[in-house]
Amino acid sequence: MMFIDGSNLFWACKKFRGDFKIDYGKLRDELVGNRRLVRPYFYCAIGVPPDPDQIRFHDSLRFQGFTVVTRPLKVRQGGMVEKGVDVALVTDMLKFAFMNVYDVAILVSGDNDFAEAVKVVKDRGILLEIAAFEHTIGRDLRILADKFTSIDSIADKIEKK
């Protein structure tokens, strides 16, 4: 199964190169290769009301077979903040691990906050692959990965043209 932290990846793309955009179908295909993928999940926050461009983007992901999981942006001092997205990703990762749905987890994020959940998944005997940009991968997460793919190294293959 593939678990994509949409917000982490969005900001990582901006830091990598301001105009860099990912073709998520190509990313999925590059990371999965010739293996069977149970399902790719994409997690992100969404405005209330949702932005029409964001709706179109999510619809395009669904059309490509992704399950899109959203949580509403919350109003906090000084603006909007993402709440509950990481929890949704971790909940699904753990739930499906304990249901024995998958034997390989592909986490697309560099966020060290996932380290504890990843340890539990690995303790279940599940292989953990992580894909992230070099500048965003947390040290703990990289150490835990059974396989690490630097998105920097596959950027030319997955860039949206």
C-alpha atoms as a PDB file:
ATOM      1  CA  MET A   1       0.000   0.000   0.000  1.00  0.00           C
ATOM      2  CA  MET A   2       1.092   3.537  -0.642  1.00  0.00           C
ATOM      3  CA  PHE A   3       0.504   6.388   1.798  1.00  0.00           C
ATOM      4  CA  ILE A   4       1.194   9.899   0.479  1.00  0.00           C
ATOM      5  CA  ASP A   5       1.416  12.874   2.829  1.00  0.00           C
ATOM      6  CA  GLY A   6       0.126  15.434   0.332  1.00  0.00           C
ATOM      7  CA  SER A   7       0.974  18.554   2.308  1.00  0.00           C
ATOM      8  CA  ASN A   8       4.506  17.396   3.106  1.00  0.00           C
ATOM      9  CA  LEU A   9       5.077  16.591  -0.548  1.00  0.00           C
ATOM     10  CA  PHE A  10       3.543  19.869  -1.773  1.00  0.00           C
ATOM     11  CA  TRP A  11       5.886  21.997   0.363  1.00  0.00           C
ATOM     12  CA  ALA A  12       8.861  19.769  -0.419  1.00  0.00           C
ATOM     13  CA  CYS A  13       8.245  20.334  -4.145  1.00  0.00           C
ATOM     14  CA  LYS A  14       8.207  24.098  -3.582  1.00  0.00           C
ATOM     15  CA  LYS A  15      11.554  23.930  -1.765  1.00  0.00           C
ATOM     16  CA  PHE A  16      13.040  21.586  -4.355  1.00  0.00           C
ATOM     17  CA  ARG A  17      12.137  23.897  -7.217  1.00  0.00           C
ATOM     18  CA  GLY A  18       9.363  26.471  -7.061  1.00  0.00           C
ATOM     19  CA  ASP A  19       7.624  25.300 -10.229  1.00  0.00           C
ATOM     20  CA  PHE A  20       8.137  21.540  -9.698  1.00  0.00           C
ATOM     21  CA  LYS A  21       4.930  19.537  -9.909  1.00  0.00           C
ATOM     22  CA  ILE A  22       4.548  15.788  -9.564  1.00  0.00           C
ATOM     23  CA  ASP A  23       2.616  13.514 -11.877  1.00  0.00           C
ATOM     24  CA  TYR A  24       1.194  11.235  -9.178  1.00  0.00           C
ATOM     25  CA  GLY A  25       0.464   8.405 -11.583  1.00  0.00           C
ATOM     26  CA  LYS A  26       4.118   8.404 -12.626  1.00  0.00           C
ATOM     27  CA  LEU A  27       5.229   8.611  -8.981  1.00  0.00           C
ATOM     28  CA  ARG A  28       3.057   5.614  -8.114  1.00  0.00           C
ATOM     29  CA  ASP A  29       4.328   3.607 -11.079  1.00  0.00           C
ATOM     30  CA  GLU A  30       7.973   4.488 -10.397  1.00  0.00           C
ATOM     31  CA  LEU A  31       7.807   3.480  -6.733  1.00  0.00           C
ATOM     32  CA  VAL A  32       5.733   0.332  -7.211  1.00  0.00           C
ATOM     33  CA  GLY A  33       7.460  -1.006 -10.316  1.00  0.00           C
ATOM     34  CA  ASN A  34       6.133  -4.395 -11.406  1.00  0.00           C
ATOM     35  CA  ARG A  35       4.715  -5.303  -7.982  1.00  0.00           C
ATOM     36  CA  ARG A  36       0.998  -5.486  -7.212  1.00  0.00           C
ATOM     37  CA  LEU A  37      -0.273  -2.405  -5.394  1.00  0.00           C
ATOM     38  CA  VAL A  38      -3.231  -2.887  -3.067  1.00  0.00           C
ATOM     39  CA  ARG A  39      -4.161   0.793  -3.186  1.00  0.00           C
ATOM     40  CA  PRO A  40      -2.543   4.232  -3.173  1.00  0.00           C
ATOM     41  CA  TYR A  41      -3.819   6.721  -0.592  1.00  0.00           C
ATOM     42  CA  PHE A  42      -3.366  10.487  -0.764  1.00  0.00           C
ATOM     43  CA  TYR A  43      -3.904  12.542   2.422  1.00  0.00           C
ATOM     44  CA  CYS A  44      -4.359  16.311   2.582  1.00  0.00           C
ATOM     45  CA  ALA A  45      -6.254  19.187   4.120  1.00  0.00           C
ATOM     46  CA  ILE A  46      -8.945  20.959   2.155  1.00  0.00           C
ATOM     47  CA  GLY A  47     -10.394  24.437   2.465  1.00  0.00           C
ATOM     48  CA  VAL A  48     -13.964  25.073   3.560  1.00  0.00           C
ATOM     49  CA  PRO A  49     -15.481  25.631   1.132  1.00  0.00           C
ATOM     50  CA  PRO A  50     -13.132  23.604  -1.091  1.00  0.00           C
ATOM     51  CA  ASP A  51     -11.159  25.406  -3.780  1.00  0.00           C
ATOM     52  CA  PRO A  52     -12.346  24.395  -7.292  1.00  0.00           C
ATOM     53  CA  ASP A  53      -8.750  23.706  -8.404  1.00  0.00           C
ATOM     54  CA  GLN A  54      -8.261  21.420  -5.419  1.00  0.00           C
ATOM     55  CA  ILE A  55     -11.485  19.571  -6.250  1.00  0.00           C
ATOM     56  CA  ARG A  56     -10.290  19.016  -9.833  1.00  0.00           C
ATOM     57  CA  PHE A  57      -6.893  17.822  -8.578  1.00  0.00           C
ATOM     58  CA  HIS A  58      -8.497  15.333  -6.176  1.00  0.00           C
ATOM     59  CA  ASP A  59     -10.864  14.130  -8.897  1.00  0.00           C
ATOM     60  CA  SER A  60      -7.887  13.516 -11.198  1.00  0.00           C
ATOM     61  CA  LEU A  61      -6.203  11.455  -8.459  1.00  0.00           C
ATOM     62  CA  ARG A  62      -9.376   9.417  -7.946  1.00  0.00           C
ATOM     63  CA  PHE A  63      -9.600   8.826 -11.699  1.00  0.00           C
ATOM     64  CA  GLN A  64      -6.059   7.357 -11.518  1.00  0.00           C
ATOM     65  CA  GLY A  65      -7.102   4.946  -8.751  1.00  0.00           C
ATOM     66  CA  PHE A  66      -6.028   6.907  -5.674  1.00  0.00           C
ATOM     67  CA  THR A  67      -8.162   7.025  -2.554  1.00  0.00           C
ATOM     68  CA  VAL A  68      -8.156  10.667  -1.446  1.00  0.00           C
ATOM     69  CA  VAL A  69      -8.550  11.282   2.284  1.00  0.00           C
ATOM     70  CA  THR A  70      -9.161  14.895   3.307  1.00  0.00           C
ATOM     71  CA  ARG A  71      -9.579  16.789   6.528  1.00  0.00           C
ATOM     72  CA  PRO A  72     -10.859  20.381   6.685  1.00  0.00           C
ATOM     73  CA  LEU A  73      -8.449  23.233   7.297  1.00  0.00           C
ATOM     74  CA  LYS A  74      -9.062  24.841  10.693  1.00  0.00           C
ATOM     75  CA  VAL A  75      -9.002  28.531  11.551  1.00  0.00           C
ATOM     76  CA  ARG A  76      -6.318  29.424  14.087  1.00  0.00           C
ATOM     77  CA  GLN A  77      -4.642  32.651  15.110  1.00  0.00           C
ATOM     78  CA  GLY A  78      -3.197  34.208  12.003  1.00  0.00           C
ATOM     79  CA  GLY A  79      -4.726  31.874   9.427  1.00  0.00           C
ATOM     80  CA  MET A  80      -5.613  28.340   8.460  1.00  0.00           C
ATOM     81  CA  VAL A  81      -3.863  25.218   9.749  1.00  0.00           C
ATOM     82  CA  GLU A  82      -3.921  21.574   8.794  1.00  0.00           C
ATOM     83  CA  LYS A  83      -5.330  19.347  11.541  1.00  0.00           C
ATOM     84  CA  GLY A  84      -5.932  15.621  11.568  1.00  0.00           C
ATOM     85  CA  VAL A  85      -4.277  14.681   8.280  1.00  0.00           C
ATOM     86  CA  ASP A  86      -1.247  12.935   9.799  1.00  0.00           C
ATOM     87  CA  VAL A  87      -3.540  11.148  12.260  1.00  0.00           C
ATOM     88  CA  ALA A  88      -5.704   9.879   9.387  1.00  0.00           C
ATOM     89  CA  LEU A  89      -2.631   8.572   7.544  1.00  0.00           C
ATOM     90  CA  VAL A  90      -1.243   6.830  10.641  1.00  0.00           C
ATOM     91  CA  THR A  91      -4.647   5.373  11.515  1.00  0.00           C
ATOM     92  CA  ASP A  92      -5.014   3.828   8.068  1.00  0.00           C
ATOM     93  CA  MET A  93      -1.415   2.598   7.990  1.00  0.00           C
ATOM     94  CA  LEU A  94      -1.841   0.857  11.352  1.00  0.00           C
ATOM     95  CA  LYS A  95      -5.390  -0.375  10.717  1.00  0.00           C
ATOM     96  CA  PHE A  96      -4.465  -2.038   7.433  1.00  0.00           C
ATOM     97  CA  ALA A  97      -1.248  -3.441   8.941  1.00  0.00           C
ATOM     98  CA  PHE A  98      -3.185  -5.139  11.745  1.00  0.00           C
ATOM     99  CA  MET A  99      -5.739  -6.409   9.206  1.00  0.00           C
ATOM    100  CA  ASN A 100      -2.818  -7.986   7.253  1.00  0.00           C
ATOM    101  CA  VAL A 101      -3.891  -6.137   4.106  1.00  0.00           C
ATOM    102  CA  TYR A 102      -0.356  -5.427   2.876  1.00  0.00           C
ATOM    103  CA  ASP A 103       3.210  -6.675   3.231  1.00  0.00           C
ATOM    104  CA  VAL A 104       5.005  -3.561   1.950  1.00  0.00           C
ATOM    105  CA  ALA A 105       4.207   0.012   2.978  1.00  0.00           C
ATOM    106  CA  ILE A 106       5.386   2.838   0.744  1.00  0.00           C
ATOM    107  CA  LEU A 107       5.303   6.074   2.725  1.00  0.00           C
ATOM    108  CA  VAL A 108       5.798   9.217   0.679  1.00  0.00           C
ATOM    109  CA  SER A 109       6.812  11.759   3.302  1.00  0.00           C
ATOM    110  CA  GLY A 110       9.893  12.909   5.134  1.00  0.00           C
ATOM    111  CA  ASP A 111       8.027  13.800   8.324  1.00  0.00           C
ATOM    112  CA  ASN A 112       9.729  12.350  11.412  1.00  0.00           C
ATOM    113  CA  ASP A 113       6.364  12.483  13.215  1.00  0.00           C
ATOM    114  CA  PHE A 114       5.569   9.171  11.500  1.00  0.00           C
ATOM    115  CA  ALA A 115       8.538   7.369  13.101  1.00  0.00           C
ATOM    116  CA  GLU A 116       6.659   5.747  15.999  1.00  0.00           C
ATOM    117  CA  ALA A 117       3.840   4.459  13.787  1.00  0.00           C
ATOM    118  CA  VAL A 118       6.394   3.170  11.294  1.00  0.00           C
ATOM    119  CA  LYS A 119       8.114   1.205  14.084  1.00  0.00           C
ATOM    120  CA  VAL A 120       4.808  -0.524  14.891  1.00  0.00           C
ATOM    121  CA  VAL A 121       4.242  -1.375  11.226  1.00  0.00           C
ATOM    122  CA  LYS A 122       7.756  -2.801  10.959  1.00  0.00           C
ATOM    123  CA  ASP A 123       7.220  -4.817  14.153  1.00  0.00           C
ATOM    124  CA  ARG A 124       4.360  -6.531  12.302  1.00  0.00           C
ATOM    125  CA  GLY A 125       6.902  -7.821   9.780  1.00  0.00           C
ATOM    126  CA  ILE A 126       5.919  -5.350   7.088  1.00  0.00           C
ATOM    127  CA  LEU A 127       8.656  -3.927   4.874  1.00  0.00           C
ATOM    128  CA  LEU A 128       8.811  -0.148   4.902  1.00  0.00           C
ATOM    129  CA  GLU A 129       9.828   1.898   1.899  1.00  0.00           C
ATOM    130  CA  ILE A 130      10.090   5.651   2.169  1.00  0.00           C
ATOM    131  CA  ALA A 131      10.225   8.151  -0.665  1.00  0.00           C
ATOM    132  CA  ALA A 132      11.067  11.766   0.091  1.00  0.00           C
ATOM    133  CA  PHE A 133      13.181  14.656  -1.080  1.00  0.00           C
ATOM    134  CA  GLU A 134      16.686  14.702   0.399  1.00  0.00           C
ATOM    135  CA  HIS A 135      16.056  18.068   2.057  1.00  0.00           C
ATOM    136  CA  THR A 136      12.902  16.864   3.844  1.00  0.00           C
ATOM    137  CA  ILE A 137      13.676  13.353   5.064  1.00  0.00           C
ATOM    138  CA  GLY A 138      13.894  13.153   8.827  1.00  0.00           C
ATOM    139  CA  ARG A 139      16.905  11.291  10.183  1.00  0.00           C
ATOM    140  CA  ASP A 140      14.816   8.872  12.281  1.00  0.00           C
ATOM    141  CA  LEU A 141      12.548   8.044   9.364  1.00  0.00           C
ATOM    142  CA  ARG A 142      15.437   7.419   7.011  1.00  0.00           C
ATOM    143  CA  ILE A 143      17.094   5.064   9.495  1.00  0.00           C
ATOM    144  CA  LEU A 144      13.842   3.104   9.882  1.00  0.00           C
ATOM    145  CA  ALA A 145      13.332   2.638   6.143  1.00  0.00           C
ATOM    146  CA  ASP A 146      14.033  -0.791   4.691  1.00  0.00           C
ATOM    147  CA  LYS A 147      14.385   1.051   1.390  1.00  0.00           C
ATOM    148  CA  PHE A 148      14.735   4.782   0.775  1.00  0.00           C
ATOM    149  CA  THR A 149      14.029   6.422  -2.568  1.00  0.00           C
ATOM    150  CA  SER A 150      15.269   9.952  -3.015  1.00  0.00           C
ATOM    151  CA  ILE A 151      12.652  11.837  -5.013  1.00  0.00           C
ATOM    152  CA  ASP A 152      15.500  14.093  -6.143  1.00  0.00           C
ATOM    153  CA  SER A 153      16.924  11.126  -8.071  1.00  0.00           C
ATOM    154  CA  ILE A 154      13.652  10.303  -9.863  1.00  0.00           C
ATOM    155  CA  ALA A 155      12.410  13.882 -10.326  1.00  0.00           C
ATOM    156  CA  ASP A 156      12.899  13.846 -14.100  1.00  0.00           C
ATOM    157  CA  LYS A 157      10.805  10.648 -14.390  1.00  0.00           C
ATOM    158  CA  ILE A 158       7.866  11.851 -12.287  1.00  0.00           C
ATOM    159  CA  GLU A 159       7.651  15.541 -13.156  1.00  0.00           C
ATOM    160  CA  LYS A 160       4.310  16.691 -14.505  1.00  0.00           C
ATOM    161  CA  LYS A 161       4.926  18.113 -17.967  1.00  0.00           C
END
